[in-house]
C-alpha atoms as a PDB file:
ATOM      1  CA  MET A   1       0.000   0.000   0.000  1.00  0.00           C
ATOM      2  CA  SER A   2       1.417   3.361  -0.953  1.00  0.00           C
ATOM      3  CA  ASP A   3      -0.704   5.151   1.619  1.00  0.00           C
ATOM      4  CA  LEU A   4      -2.017   2.991   4.436  1.00  0.00           C
ATOM      5  CA  VAL A   5      -4.315   5.672   5.810  1.00  0.00           C
ATOM      6  CA  GLU A   6      -6.212   6.137   2.565  1.00  0.00           C
ATOM      7  CA  SER A   7      -6.362   2.447   1.639  1.00  0.00           C
ATOM      8  CA  SER A   8      -9.920   1.379   0.842  1.00  0.00           C
ATOM      9  CA  ALA A   9      -9.137  -2.076   2.259  1.00  0.00           C
ATOM     10  CA  VAL A  10      -8.210  -0.550   5.609  1.00  0.00           C
ATOM     11  CA  GLN A  11     -11.146   1.850   5.553  1.00  0.00           C
ATOM     12  CA  ALA A  12     -13.586  -0.996   4.937  1.00  0.00           C
ATOM     13  CA  SER A  13     -12.494  -2.765   8.117  1.00  0.00           C
ATOM     14  CA  VAL A  14     -13.191   0.209  10.382  1.00  0.00           C
ATOM     15  CA  GLN A  15     -16.366   0.847  12.349  1.00  0.00           C
ATOM     16  CA  ALA A  16     -16.992   4.514  13.089  1.00  0.00           C
ATOM     17  CA  GLU A  17     -19.656   6.281  15.096  1.00  0.00           C
ATOM     18  CA  GLN A  18     -20.298   9.748  16.501  1.00  0.00           C
ATOM     19  CA  PHE A  19     -21.570  10.170  20.052  1.00  0.00           C
ATOM     20  CA  GLY A  20     -22.356  13.832  20.487  1.00  0.00           C
ATOM     21  CA  ALA A  21     -18.997  15.596  20.462  1.00  0.00           C
ATOM     22  CA  SER A  22     -17.042  12.315  20.458  1.00  0.00           C
ATOM     23  CA  TRP A  23     -15.923  10.371  17.384  1.00  0.00           C
ATOM     24  CA  VAL A  24     -14.966   6.710  17.842  1.00  0.00           C
ATOM     25  CA  TRP A  25     -13.272   4.282  15.458  1.00  0.00           C
ATOM     26  CA  THR A  26     -12.889   0.538  16.117  1.00  0.00           C
ATOM     27  CA  ASP A  27     -11.408  -2.500  14.392  1.00  0.00           C
ATOM     28  CA  GLY A  28     -14.684  -4.406  14.688  1.00  0.00           C
ATOM     29  CA  SER A  29     -13.648  -6.507  17.692  1.00  0.00           C
ATOM     30  CA  ILE A  30     -15.516  -4.147  20.032  1.00  0.00           C
ATOM     31  CA  SER A  31     -18.585  -1.998  19.482  1.00  0.00           C
ATOM     32  CA  PRO A  32     -18.068   1.774  19.228  1.00  0.00           C
ATOM     33  CA  ALA A  33     -20.270   2.252  22.299  1.00  0.00           C
ATOM     34  CA  ASP A  34     -18.230  -0.178  24.407  1.00  0.00           C
ATOM     35  CA  ALA A  35     -15.009   1.337  23.087  1.00  0.00           C
ATOM     36  CA  LEU A  36     -16.157   4.807  24.078  1.00  0.00           C
ATOM     37  CA  ASP A  37     -16.829   3.583  27.606  1.00  0.00           C
ATOM     38  CA  VAL A  38     -13.251   2.290  27.903  1.00  0.00           C
ATOM     39  CA  LEU A  39     -11.598   5.218  26.143  1.00  0.00           C
ATOM     40  CA  ARG A  40     -13.242   7.756  28.435  1.00  0.00           C
ATOM     41  CA  GLN A  41     -11.735   6.061  31.460  1.00  0.00           C
ATOM     42  CA  GLY A  42      -8.267   5.775  32.792  1.00  0.00           C
ATOM     43  CA  SER A  43      -6.837   9.260  32.464  1.00  0.00           C
ATOM     44  CA  GLU A  44      -5.893   9.007  36.126  1.00  0.00           C
ATOM     45  CA  GLY A  45      -6.030   5.247  36.526  1.00  0.00           C
ATOM     46  CA  ASP A  46      -9.603   5.214  37.773  1.00  0.00           C
ATOM     47  CA  ARG A  47     -10.211   1.519  37.037  1.00  0.00           C
ATOM     48  CA  SER A  48      -9.127  -1.038  39.601  1.00  0.00           C
ATOM     49  CA  ASP A  49      -7.621  -3.310  36.926  1.00  0.00           C
ATOM     50  CA  MET A  50      -5.395  -0.619  35.434  1.00  0.00           C
ATOM     51  CA  ILE A  51      -1.598  -0.702  35.727  1.00  0.00           C
ATOM     52  CA  ARG A  52       0.589   2.155  34.536  1.00  0.00           C
ATOM     53  CA  VAL A  53       3.002   1.031  31.812  1.00  0.00           C
ATOM     54  CA  GLY A  54       4.498   4.415  30.966  1.00  0.00           C
ATOM     55  CA  SER A  55       5.028   7.729  32.647  1.00  0.00           C
ATOM     56  CA  GLY A  56       5.524  11.343  31.751  1.00  0.00           C
ATOM     57  CA  GLY A  57       4.671  13.323  28.636  1.00  0.00           C
ATOM     58  CA  ARG A  58       3.208  11.453  25.678  1.00  0.00           C
ATOM     59  CA  GLY A  59       4.392   8.146  27.100  1.00  0.00           C
ATOM     60  CA  SER A  60       1.762   7.950  29.836  1.00  0.00           C
ATOM     61  CA  ALA A  61      -0.243   4.757  29.300  1.00  0.00           C
ATOM     62  CA  TRP A  62      -2.214   2.145  31.203  1.00  0.00           C
ATOM     63  CA  ARG A  63      -2.538  -1.614  30.895  1.00  0.00           C
ATOM     64  CA  LEU A  64      -6.020  -3.055  31.363  1.00  0.00           C
ATOM     65  CA  THR A  65      -8.202  -5.933  30.215  1.00  0.00           C
ATOM     66  CA  VAL A  66     -10.573  -5.568  27.261  1.00  0.00           C
ATOM     67  CA  GLY A  67     -12.595  -8.521  26.033  1.00  0.00           C
ATOM     68  CA  GLY A  68     -10.634 -10.843  28.308  1.00  0.00           C
ATOM     69  CA  LYS A  69      -7.294  -9.851  26.746  1.00  0.00           C
ATOM     70  CA  PRO A  70      -4.633  -7.369  27.864  1.00  0.00           C
ATOM     71  CA  ALA A  71      -4.695  -3.979  26.183  1.00  0.00           C
ATOM     72  CA  VAL A  72      -3.020  -0.588  26.484  1.00  0.00           C
ATOM     73  CA  LEU A  73      -4.945   2.662  26.846  1.00  0.00           C
ATOM     74  CA  ARG A  74      -3.093   5.873  26.066  1.00  0.00           C
ATOM     75  CA  HIS A  75      -4.492   9.367  26.399  1.00  0.00           C
ATOM     76  CA  TYR A  76      -2.715  11.804  24.123  1.00  0.00           C
ATOM     77  CA  ARG A  77      -0.463  14.157  26.033  1.00  0.00           C
ATOM     78  CA  ARG A  78       1.864  16.856  24.840  1.00  0.00           C
ATOM     79  CA  GLY A  79       5.540  16.613  25.665  1.00  0.00           C
ATOM     80  CA  GLY A  80       8.323  19.119  26.167  1.00  0.00           C
ATOM     81  CA  MET A  81       7.783  22.757  27.030  1.00  0.00           C
ATOM     82  CA  MET A  82       4.361  22.803  25.371  1.00  0.00           C
ATOM     83  CA  ALA A  83       3.046  20.502  28.104  1.00  0.00           C
ATOM     84  CA  HIS A  84       3.434  23.348  30.613  1.00  0.00           C
ATOM     85  CA  ILE A  85       1.046  25.475  28.565  1.00  0.00           C
ATOM     86  CA  ASN A  86      -1.308  22.937  27.020  1.00  0.00           C
ATOM     87  CA  ARG A  87      -1.347  19.433  28.471  1.00  0.00           C
ATOM     88  CA  ASP A  88      -3.694  17.512  26.206  1.00  0.00           C
ATOM     89  CA  GLN A  89      -5.634  19.678  23.737  1.00  0.00           C
ATOM     90  CA  TYR A  90      -5.153  19.750  19.958  1.00  0.00           C
ATOM     91  CA  LEU A  91      -6.598  22.013  17.276  1.00  0.00           C
ATOM     92  CA  TRP A  92      -9.743  20.582  15.694  1.00  0.00           C
ATOM     93  CA  GLN A  93      -9.600  20.350  11.873  1.00  0.00           C
ATOM     94  CA  GLY A  94     -12.092  17.556  11.318  1.00  0.00           C
ATOM     95  CA  PRO A  95     -12.359  13.962  12.588  1.00  0.00           C
ATOM     96  CA  THR A  96     -10.140  12.318   9.957  1.00  0.00           C
ATOM     97  CA  LEU A  97      -7.347  14.829  10.594  1.00  0.00           C
ATOM     98  CA  THR A  98      -7.131  14.060  14.311  1.00  0.00           C
ATOM     99  CA  ARG A  99      -4.060  12.351  15.713  1.00  0.00           C
ATOM    100  CA  PRO A 100      -5.908   9.294  17.061  1.00  0.00           C
ATOM    101  CA  TYR A 101      -7.613   8.616  13.720  1.00  0.00           C
ATOM    102  CA  ARG A 102      -4.356   8.882  11.788  1.00  0.00           C
ATOM    103  CA  GLU A 103      -2.443   6.687  14.225  1.00  0.00           C
ATOM    104  CA  PHE A 104      -5.250   4.129  14.388  1.00  0.00           C
ATOM    105  CA  MET A 105      -5.380   3.822  10.591  1.00  0.00           C
ATOM    106  CA  VAL A 106      -1.605   3.548  10.174  1.00  0.00           C
ATOM    107  CA  MET A 107      -1.362   0.791  12.781  1.00  0.00           C
ATOM    108  CA  LEU A 108      -4.381  -1.044  11.378  1.00  0.00           C
ATOM    109  CA  GLY A 109      -2.824  -1.026   7.929  1.00  0.00           C
ATOM    110  CA  LEU A 110       0.578  -2.172   9.154  1.00  0.00           C
ATOM    111  CA  SER A 111      -0.801  -4.965  11.339  1.00  0.00           C
ATOM    112  CA  GLY A 112      -2.947  -6.063   8.397  1.00  0.00           C
ATOM    113  CA  GLN A 113       0.224  -6.466   6.338  1.00  0.00           C
ATOM    114  CA  GLY A 114       1.751  -8.656   9.023  1.00  0.00           C
ATOM    115  CA  LEU A 115       4.194  -6.151  10.486  1.00  0.00           C
ATOM    116  CA  LEU A 116       4.873  -6.519  14.194  1.00  0.00           C
ATOM    117  CA  VAL A 117       3.029  -3.520  15.605  1.00  0.00           C
ATOM    118  CA  PRO A 118       0.333  -3.474  18.304  1.00  0.00           C
ATOM    119  CA  LYS A 119      -3.059  -4.103  16.732  1.00  0.00           C
ATOM    120  CA  PRO A 120      -5.292  -1.093  17.337  1.00  0.00           C
ATOM    121  CA  ILE A 121      -8.657  -1.753  18.928  1.00  0.00           C
ATOM    122  CA  ALA A 122     -10.237   1.692  19.068  1.00  0.00           C
ATOM    123  CA  ALA A 123      -9.521   5.422  19.027  1.00  0.00           C
ATOM    124  CA  MET A 124     -11.464   8.474  20.143  1.00  0.00           C
ATOM    125  CA  ALA A 125     -11.460  12.226  19.593  1.00  0.00           C
ATOM    126  CA  LYS A 126     -13.706  14.407  21.759  1.00  0.00           C
ATOM    127  CA  ARG A 127     -14.255  17.937  20.501  1.00  0.00           C
ATOM    128  CA  THR A 128     -14.661  20.946  22.757  1.00  0.00           C
ATOM    129  CA  GLY A 129     -15.008  24.111  20.704  1.00  0.00           C
ATOM    130  CA  LEU A 130     -11.884  24.657  18.616  1.00  0.00           C
ATOM    131  CA  PHE A 131      -9.960  21.859  20.306  1.00  0.00           C
ATOM    132  CA  TYR A 132     -10.161  18.144  21.047  1.00  0.00           C
ATOM    133  CA  ARG A 133      -8.801  15.579  23.478  1.00  0.00           C
ATOM    134  CA  ALA A 134      -8.018  12.042  22.400  1.00  0.00           C
ATOM    135  CA  ALA A 135      -7.217   8.468  23.388  1.00  0.00           C
ATOM    136  CA  ILE A 136      -6.251   5.228  21.675  1.00  0.00           C
ATOM    137  CA  LEU A 137      -6.626   1.579  22.707  1.00  0.00           C
ATOM    138  CA  THR A 138      -4.304  -1.155  21.385  1.00  0.00           C
ATOM    139  CA  ARG A 139      -3.531  -4.783  22.122  1.00  0.00           C
ATOM    140  CA  TYR A 140      -0.765  -5.271  24.675  1.00  0.00           C
ATOM    141  CA  VAL A 141       2.550  -6.589  23.357  1.00  0.00           C
ATOM    142  CA  ASP A 142       3.926  -9.253  25.684  1.00  0.00           C
ATOM    143  CA  HIS A 143       7.620  -8.388  25.761  1.00  0.00           C
ATOM    144  CA  ARG A 144      10.756  -8.852  27.834  1.00  0.00           C
ATOM    145  CA  GLY A 145      11.971  -5.305  27.523  1.00  0.00           C
ATOM    146  CA  ALA A 146      12.674  -2.321  25.323  1.00  0.00           C
ATOM    147  CA  LEU A 147      15.565  -2.679  22.893  1.00  0.00           C
ATOM    148  CA  CYS A 148      18.240  -1.162  25.127  1.00  0.00           C
ATOM    149  CA  ALA A 149      17.380  -3.582  27.919  1.00  0.00           C
ATOM    150  CA  VAL A 150      18.095  -6.557  25.670  1.00  0.00           C
ATOM    151  CA  ASP A 151      21.777  -7.350  25.147  1.00  0.00           C
ATOM    152  CA  ASP A 152      21.225  -9.831  22.335  1.00  0.00           C
ATOM    153  CA  GLN A 153      22.469  -9.791  18.733  1.00  0.00           C
ATOM    154  CA  ALA A 154      19.399 -11.574  17.359  1.00  0.00           C
ATOM    155  CA  ALA A 155      17.083  -9.011  18.931  1.00  0.00           C
ATOM    156  CA  TRP A 156      19.018  -6.099  17.452  1.00  0.00           C
ATOM    157  CA  ARG A 157      19.054  -7.710  13.993  1.00  0.00           C
ATOM    158  CA  SER A 158      15.303  -8.194  14.344  1.00  0.00           C
ATOM    159  CA  ALA A 159      14.942  -4.514  15.224  1.00  0.00           C
ATOM    160  CA  GLY A 160      16.782  -3.505  12.067  1.00  0.00           C
ATOM    161  CA  ALA A 161      14.635  -5.821   9.969  1.00  0.00           C
ATOM    162  CA  ALA A 162      11.475  -4.395  11.550  1.00  0.00           C
ATOM    163  CA  VAL A 163      12.493  -0.846  10.651  1.00  0.00           C
ATOM    164  CA  ALA A 164      13.310  -1.969   7.096  1.00  0.00           C
ATOM    165  CA  ARG A 165       9.852  -3.521   6.698  1.00  0.00           C
ATOM    166  CA  LEU A 166       8.310  -0.302   8.005  1.00  0.00           C
ATOM    167  CA  HIS A 167      10.211   1.726   5.417  1.00  0.00           C
ATOM    168  CA  ASP A 168       9.329  -0.737   2.643  1.00  0.00           C
ATOM    169  CA  ALA A 169       5.692  -0.020   3.538  1.00  0.00           C
ATOM    170  CA  GLY A 170       6.383   3.689   3.011  1.00  0.00           C
ATOM    171  CA  VAL A 171       5.927   4.646   6.655  1.00  0.00           C
ATOM    172  CA  TRP A 172       8.091   7.196   8.465  1.00  0.00           C
ATOM    173  CA  HIS A 173       8.088   6.928  12.271  1.00  0.00           C
ATOM    174  CA  ALA A 174       7.982  10.296  14.028  1.00  0.00           C
ATOM    175  CA  ASP A 175       9.768   9.160  17.212  1.00  0.00           C
ATOM    176  CA  LEU A 176      11.849   6.064  16.554  1.00  0.00           C
ATOM    177  CA  ASN A 177      13.873   5.529  19.714  1.00  0.00           C
ATOM    178  CA  VAL A 178      15.017   2.603  21.861  1.00  0.00           C
ATOM    179  CA  ASN A 179      11.915   2.788  24.062  1.00  0.00           C
ATOM    180  CA  ASN A 180       9.590   2.437  21.070  1.00  0.00           C
ATOM    181  CA  ILE A 181      11.072  -0.920  20.056  1.00  0.00           C
ATOM    182  CA  LEU A 182       9.975  -3.838  22.230  1.00  0.00           C
ATOM    183  CA  VAL A 183      11.520  -7.314  22.128  1.00  0.00           C
ATOM    184  CA  ASP A 184       9.442 -10.413  22.823  1.00  0.00           C
ATOM    185  CA  GLU A 185      10.542 -13.822  24.130  1.00  0.00           C
ATOM    186  CA  LEU A 186      11.320 -14.996  20.575  1.00  0.00           C
ATOM    187  CA  ASP A 187      13.704 -12.052  20.018  1.00  0.00           C
ATOM    188  CA  GLN A 188      11.231 -10.488  17.619  1.00  0.00           C
ATOM    189  CA  ALA A 189      11.139  -6.694  17.603  1.00  0.00           C
ATOM    190  CA  TRP A 190       7.841  -4.813  17.770  1.00  0.00           C
ATOM    191  CA  LEU A 191       7.539  -1.142  16.826  1.00  0.00           C
ATOM    192  CA  ILE A 192       5.152   0.984  18.881  1.00  0.00           C
ATOM    193  CA  ASP A 193       3.864   4.583  19.115  1.00  0.00           C
ATOM    194  CA  PHE A 194       2.804   5.709  15.647  1.00  0.00           C
ATOM    195  CA  ASP A 195       1.521   9.108  16.700  1.00  0.00           C
ATOM    196  CA  ARG A 196       2.351  11.607  13.922  1.00  0.00           C
ATOM    197  CA  ALA A 197       3.704   8.862  11.633  1.00  0.00           C
ATOM    198  CA  LYS A 198       3.633   9.658   7.916  1.00  0.00           C
ATOM    199  CA  THR A 199       2.579   7.290   5.157  1.00  0.00           C
ATOM    200  CA  GLY A 200       3.391   7.268   1.472  1.00  0.00           C
ATOM    201  CA  VAL A 201       6.988   8.310   2.180  1.00  0.00           C
ATOM    202  CA  SER A 202       9.472   7.215  -0.479  1.00  0.00           C
ATOM    203  CA  GLU A 203      12.378   9.630   0.020  1.00  0.00           C
ATOM    204  CA  ARG A 204      15.242   7.490   1.258  1.00  0.00           C
ATOM    205  CA  SER A 205      16.914  10.443   2.951  1.00  0.00           C
ATOM    206  CA  ARG A 206      13.836  11.062   5.082  1.00  0.00           C
ATOM    207  CA  LEU A 207      13.476   7.398   5.975  1.00  0.00           C
ATOM    208  CA  GLN A 208      17.171   7.204   6.826  1.00  0.00           C
ATOM    209  CA  GLY A 209      16.493  10.000   9.288  1.00  0.00           C
ATOM    210  CA  ASN A 210      14.676   7.386  11.380  1.00  0.00           C
ATOM    211  CA  LEU A 211      17.934   5.462  11.763  1.00  0.00           C
ATOM    212  CA  SER A 212      19.834   8.613  12.670  1.00  0.00           C
ATOM    213  CA  ARG A 213      17.298   9.407  15.374  1.00  0.00           C
ATOM    214  CA  LEU A 214      17.460   5.847  16.665  1.00  0.00           C
ATOM    215  CA  LEU A 215      21.258   5.982  16.846  1.00  0.00           C
ATOM    216  CA  ARG A 216      21.093   9.210  18.850  1.00  0.00           C
ATOM    217  CA  SER A 217      18.730   7.430  21.224  1.00  0.00           C
ATOM    218  CA  VAL A 218      21.158   4.518  21.617  1.00  0.00           C
ATOM    219  CA  ARG A 219      23.979   6.918  22.392  1.00  0.00           C
ATOM    220  CA  LYS A 220      21.857   8.690  24.983  1.00  0.00           C
ATOM    221  CA  VAL A 221      20.239   5.715  26.728  1.00  0.00           C
ATOM    222  CA  CYS A 222      22.636   2.777  26.312  1.00  0.00           C
ATOM    223  CA  PRO A 223      25.911   3.972  24.785  1.00  0.00           C
ATOM    224  CA  GLU A 224      27.744   0.901  26.060  1.00  0.00           C
ATOM    225  CA  LEU A 225      25.838  -1.242  23.528  1.00  0.00           C
ATOM    226  CA  GLU A 226      26.521   0.827  20.427  1.00  0.00           C
ATOM    227  CA  GLN A 227      29.841  -0.666  19.362  1.00  0.00           C
ATOM    228  CA  ARG A 228      28.712  -4.291  19.642  1.00  0.00           C
ATOM    229  CA  LEU A 229      25.028  -4.167  18.730  1.00  0.00           C
ATOM    230  CA  TRP A 230      24.392  -1.205  16.441  1.00  0.00           C
ATOM    231  CA  PRO A 231      26.195  -3.018  13.557  1.00  0.00           C
ATOM    232  CA  MET A 232      23.811  -5.956  14.130  1.00  0.00           C
ATOM    233  CA  LEU A 233      20.836  -3.621  13.744  1.00  0.00           C
ATOM    234  CA  LEU A 234      22.255  -2.266  10.484  1.00  0.00           C
ATOM    235  CA  GLU A 235      22.782  -5.825   9.235  1.00  0.00           C
ATOM    236  CA  GLY A 236      19.132  -6.565   9.970  1.00  0.00           C
ATOM    237  CA  TYR A 237      18.072  -3.385   8.186  1.00  0.00           C
ATOM    238  CA  ALA A 238      20.113  -4.354   5.138  1.00  0.00           C
ATOM    239  CA  GLY A 239      18.636  -7.849   5.121  1.00  0.00           C
ATOM    240  CA  LYS A 240      21.911  -9.633   5.858  1.00  0.00           C
END
């Protein structure tokens, strides 16, 4: 698919419904009404079964159970200096231009192609005047750690291969760092957090920028692994 978000095949698999000022999109495994009930919850961990799996800025997320299976609920939060001014509101430009809709559609398209990304369950945008707040619900990835916590050549090769498959699909990741690559028990690498991702990207220089950002992350978070394991990631990316 040259543009996962606009793919008719992806669009056809989505259930959408408007509830007053709230727009909800689901993958069909849960009704929009039930999804809305879950998505409205959890901003402060107000369900007894919720466990925080991230903290701070845009990374704040909660693990909970949906349909008998583990899932992750994330309310969109601003990061950096902007968070001191505006914590969680975004300019409204229409439902299909909201961040949750775009992220939901990208992930649905990628998971449909067999890439290892969390399968999205539902997303919501709630409008208030000129702005909206948002949340997204995805399946939980059972993993043994983020990339930098895994000192394993096979895992790092898998990470490189995962990024290559993402680029072959024409997707540019807006925040590719060592915390957004999870490694499961089979040493398979999963890419997460597709907020602000771009589809239909073919410029190699722009896609290579993902690797540059990832390398900066390695040097910041786990510099002791760069010399031994970064070459393994590049081998995986090159398909060696």
